[in-house]
Every structure is written in structure tokens, then in C-alpha cells.
Amino acid sequence: MAKSIIAYFSHSGNTEVIANIIKENVGGDLFKRYHVGFRN
């Protein structure tokens, strides 16, 4: 069976909570995307 990946970006943490709930129910690996850049 194929493995799933749950990719997410969470600025305030809300999406991270939902991503973990999905992981618990569906299985797979979490991938957290980080914003990398400079603000002027």
C-alpha cells in the first residue's frame, strides 16, 4: 500500500493541529513547510 504525506504550512499553529489529526486518522508522514525569506 502506498504511503501518504501530509504537507502543511502553519503560521499560527492551527493548521499543524489539523495536520496531526489527519495523520492520526489516515497515517503517513508529516512535512512542515517553513517560510524562508526576508521582509523589508
PDB file of N, CA and C in Angstrom:
ATOM      1  N   MET A   1       0.837  -1.187   0.000  1.00  0.00           N
ATOM      2  CA  MET A   1       0.000   0.000   0.000  1.00  0.00           C
ATOM      3  C   MET A   1       0.882   1.250   0.000  1.00  0.00           C
ATOM      4  N   ALA A   2       0.466   2.240  -0.728  1.00  0.00           N
ATOM      5  CA  ALA A   2       1.237   3.485  -0.830  1.00  0.00           C
ATOM      6  C   ALA A   2       1.158   4.269   0.473  1.00  0.00           C
ATOM      7  N   LYS A   3       2.244   4.949   0.793  1.00  0.00           N
ATOM      8  CA  LYS A   3       2.305   5.772   1.976  1.00  0.00           C
ATOM      9  C   LYS A   3       1.875   7.199   1.629  1.00  0.00           C
ATOM     10  N   SER A   4       1.234   7.860   2.574  1.00  0.00           N
ATOM     11  CA  SER A   4       0.772   9.227   2.357  1.00  0.00           C
ATOM     12  C   SER A   4       1.717  10.226   3.003  1.00  0.00           C
ATOM     13  N   ILE A   5       1.721  11.436   2.457  1.00  0.00           N
ATOM     14  CA  ILE A   5       2.446  12.531   3.070  1.00  0.00           C
ATOM     15  C   ILE A   5       1.448  13.670   3.263  1.00  0.00           C
ATOM     16  N   ILE A   6       1.476  14.258   4.440  1.00  0.00           N
ATOM     17  CA  ILE A   6       0.623  15.395   4.759  1.00  0.00           C
ATOM     18  C   ILE A   6       1.539  16.606   4.821  1.00  0.00           C
ATOM     19  N   ALA A   7       1.453  17.458   3.813  1.00  0.00           N
ATOM     20  CA  ALA A   7       2.290  18.657   3.750  1.00  0.00           C
ATOM     21  C   ALA A   7       1.459  19.846   4.202  1.00  0.00           C
ATOM     22  N   TYR A   8       2.061  20.688   5.046  1.00  0.00           N
ATOM     23  CA  TYR A   8       1.305  21.830   5.556  1.00  0.00           C
ATOM     24  C   TYR A   8       2.218  22.986   5.895  1.00  0.00           C
ATOM     25  N   PHE A   9       1.629  24.173   5.943  1.00  0.00           N
ATOM     26  CA  PHE A   9       2.280  25.388   6.411  1.00  0.00           C
ATOM     27  C   PHE A   9       1.375  25.969   7.480  1.00  0.00           C
ATOM     28  N   SER A  10       1.925  26.264   8.634  1.00  0.00           N
ATOM     29  CA  SER A  10       1.118  26.758   9.736  1.00  0.00           C
ATOM     30  C   SER A  10       1.790  27.960  10.376  1.00  0.00           C
ATOM     31  N   HIS A  11       1.190  29.125  10.185  1.00  0.00           N
ATOM     32  CA  HIS A  11       1.737  30.347  10.767  1.00  0.00           C
ATOM     33  C   HIS A  11       1.404  30.443  12.249  1.00  0.00           C
ATOM     34  N   SER A  12       0.153  30.126  12.606  1.00  0.00           N
ATOM     35  CA  SER A  12      -0.288  30.288  13.996  1.00  0.00           C
ATOM     36  C   SER A  12      -0.378  28.967  14.758  1.00  0.00           C
ATOM     37  N   GLY A  13      -0.263  27.844  14.064  1.00  0.00           N
ATOM     38  CA  GLY A  13      -0.331  26.545  14.726  1.00  0.00           C
ATOM     39  C   GLY A  13      -1.627  25.799  14.502  1.00  0.00           C
ATOM     40  N   ASN A  14      -2.659  26.479  14.002  1.00  0.00           N
ATOM     41  CA  ASN A  14      -3.952  25.822  13.789  1.00  0.00           C
ATOM     42  C   ASN A  14      -3.879  24.721  12.737  1.00  0.00           C
ATOM     43  N   THR A  15      -3.228  25.006  11.632  1.00  0.00           N
ATOM     44  CA  THR A  15      -3.116  24.012  10.560  1.00  0.00           C
ATOM     45  C   THR A  15      -2.272  22.823  11.003  1.00  0.00           C
ATOM     46  N   GLU A  16      -1.288  23.060  11.858  1.00  0.00           N
ATOM     47  CA  GLU A  16      -0.466  21.971  12.374  1.00  0.00           C
ATOM     48  C   GLU A  16      -1.309  21.001  13.198  1.00  0.00           C
ATOM     49  N   VAL A  17      -2.226  21.532  13.979  1.00  0.00           N
ATOM     50  CA  VAL A  17      -3.129  20.686  14.773  1.00  0.00           C
ATOM     51  C   VAL A  17      -3.969  19.808  13.847  1.00  0.00           C
ATOM     52  N   ILE A  18      -4.534  20.411  12.809  1.00  0.00           N
ATOM     53  CA  ILE A  18      -5.363  19.656  11.860  1.00  0.00           C
ATOM     54  C   ILE A  18      -4.522  18.620  11.116  1.00  0.00           C
ATOM     55  N   ALA A  19      -3.300  18.976  10.739  1.00  0.00           N
ATOM     56  CA  ALA A  19      -2.421  18.030  10.043  1.00  0.00           C
ATOM     57  C   ALA A  19      -2.137  16.815  10.920  1.00  0.00           C
ATOM     58  N   ASN A  20      -1.948  17.032  12.208  1.00  0.00           N
ATOM     59  CA  ASN A  20      -1.712  15.911  13.119  1.00  0.00           C
ATOM     60  C   ASN A  20      -2.954  15.039  13.282  1.00  0.00           C
ATOM     61  N   ILE A  21      -4.125  15.650  13.281  1.00  0.00           N
ATOM     62  CA  ILE A  21      -5.373  14.874  13.346  1.00  0.00           C
ATOM     63  C   ILE A  21      -5.510  14.010  12.097  1.00  0.00           C
ATOM     64  N   ILE A  22      -5.205  14.585  10.934  1.00  0.00           N
ATOM     65  CA  ILE A  22      -5.257  13.818   9.684  1.00  0.00           C
ATOM     66  C   ILE A  22      -4.270  12.662   9.744  1.00  0.00           C
ATOM     67  N   LYS A  23      -3.051  12.920  10.241  1.00  0.00           N
ATOM     68  CA  LYS A  23      -2.036  11.862  10.346  1.00  0.00           C
ATOM     69  C   LYS A  23      -2.524  10.722  11.223  1.00  0.00           C
ATOM     70  N   GLU A  24      -3.141  11.051  12.352  1.00  0.00           N
ATOM     71  CA  GLU A  24      -3.642  10.016  13.257  1.00  0.00           C
ATOM     72  C   GLU A  24      -4.722   9.167  12.607  1.00  0.00           C
ATOM     73  N   ASN A  25      -5.561   9.773  11.770  1.00  0.00           N
ATOM     74  CA  ASN A  25      -6.673   9.051  11.151  1.00  0.00           C
ATOM     75  C   ASN A  25      -6.306   8.345   9.858  1.00  0.00           C
ATOM     76  N   VAL A  26      -5.412   8.940   9.081  1.00  0.00           N
ATOM     77  CA  VAL A  26      -5.073   8.408   7.765  1.00  0.00           C
ATOM     78  C   VAL A  26      -3.743   7.670   7.779  1.00  0.00           C
ATOM     79  N   GLY A  27      -2.819   8.145   8.607  1.00  0.00           N
ATOM     80  CA  GLY A  27      -1.468   7.592   8.614  1.00  0.00           C
ATOM     81  C   GLY A  27      -0.595   8.378   7.654  1.00  0.00           C
ATOM     82  N   GLY A  28       0.653   8.037   7.616  1.00  0.00           N
ATOM     83  CA  GLY A  28       1.586   8.710   6.720  1.00  0.00           C
ATOM     84  C   GLY A  28       2.579   9.561   7.479  1.00  0.00           C
ATOM     85  N   ASP A  29       3.254  10.406   6.743  1.00  0.00           N
ATOM     86  CA  ASP A  29       4.297  11.263   7.301  1.00  0.00           C
ATOM     87  C   ASP A  29       3.889  12.725   7.191  1.00  0.00           C
ATOM     88  N   LEU A  30       4.335  13.514   8.165  1.00  0.00           N
ATOM     89  CA  LEU A  30       4.097  14.951   8.129  1.00  0.00           C
ATOM     90  C   LEU A  30       5.285  15.657   7.501  1.00  0.00           C
ATOM     91  N   PHE A  31       4.998  16.678   6.718  1.00  0.00           N
ATOM     92  CA  PHE A  31       6.024  17.523   6.140  1.00  0.00           C
ATOM     93  C   PHE A  31       5.620  18.963   6.407  1.00  0.00           C
ATOM     94  N   LYS A  32       6.367  19.647   7.266  1.00  0.00           N
ATOM     95  CA  LYS A  32       6.071  21.032   7.589  1.00  0.00           C
ATOM     96  C   LYS A  32       6.886  21.941   6.692  1.00  0.00           C
ATOM     97  N   ARG A  33       6.191  22.809   5.976  1.00  0.00           N
ATOM     98  CA  ARG A  33       6.857  23.764   5.097  1.00  0.00           C
ATOM     99  C   ARG A  33       7.132  25.027   5.898  1.00  0.00           C
ATOM    100  N   TYR A  34       8.351  25.488   5.813  1.00  0.00           N
ATOM    101  CA  TYR A  34       8.750  26.709   6.501  1.00  0.00           C
ATOM    102  C   TYR A  34       8.892  27.846   5.503  1.00  0.00           C
ATOM    103  N   HIS A  35       8.494  29.030   5.910  1.00  0.00           N
ATOM    104  CA  HIS A  35       8.684  30.215   5.064  1.00  0.00           C
ATOM    105  C   HIS A  35      10.125  30.693   5.261  1.00  0.00           C
ATOM    106  N   VAL A  36      10.846  30.749   4.170  1.00  0.00           N
ATOM    107  CA  VAL A  36      12.221  31.218   4.225  1.00  0.00           C
ATOM    108  C   VAL A  36      12.305  32.443   3.322  1.00  0.00           C
ATOM    109  N   GLY A  37      12.660  33.534   3.903  1.00  0.00           N
ATOM    110  CA  GLY A  37      12.775  34.754   3.111  1.00  0.00           C
ATOM    111  C   GLY A  37      12.993  35.940   4.026  1.00  0.00           C
ATOM    112  N   PHE A  38      13.185  37.052   3.411  1.00  0.00           N
ATOM    113  CA  PHE A  38      13.443  38.264   4.145  1.00  0.00           C
ATOM    114  C   PHE A  38      12.307  39.249   3.912  1.00  0.00           C
ATOM    115  N   ARG A  39      11.961  39.948   4.961  1.00  0.00           N
ATOM    116  CA  ARG A  39      10.966  41.020   4.846  1.00  0.00           C
ATOM    117  C   ARG A  39      11.692  42.344   4.935  1.00  0.00           C
ATOM    118  N   ASN A  40      11.338  43.223   4.043  1.00  0.00           N
ATOM    119  CA  ASN A  40      11.953  44.552   4.059  1.00  0.00           C
ATOM    120  C   ASN A  40      11.044  45.549   4.718  1.00  0.00           C
TER     121      ASN A  40
END
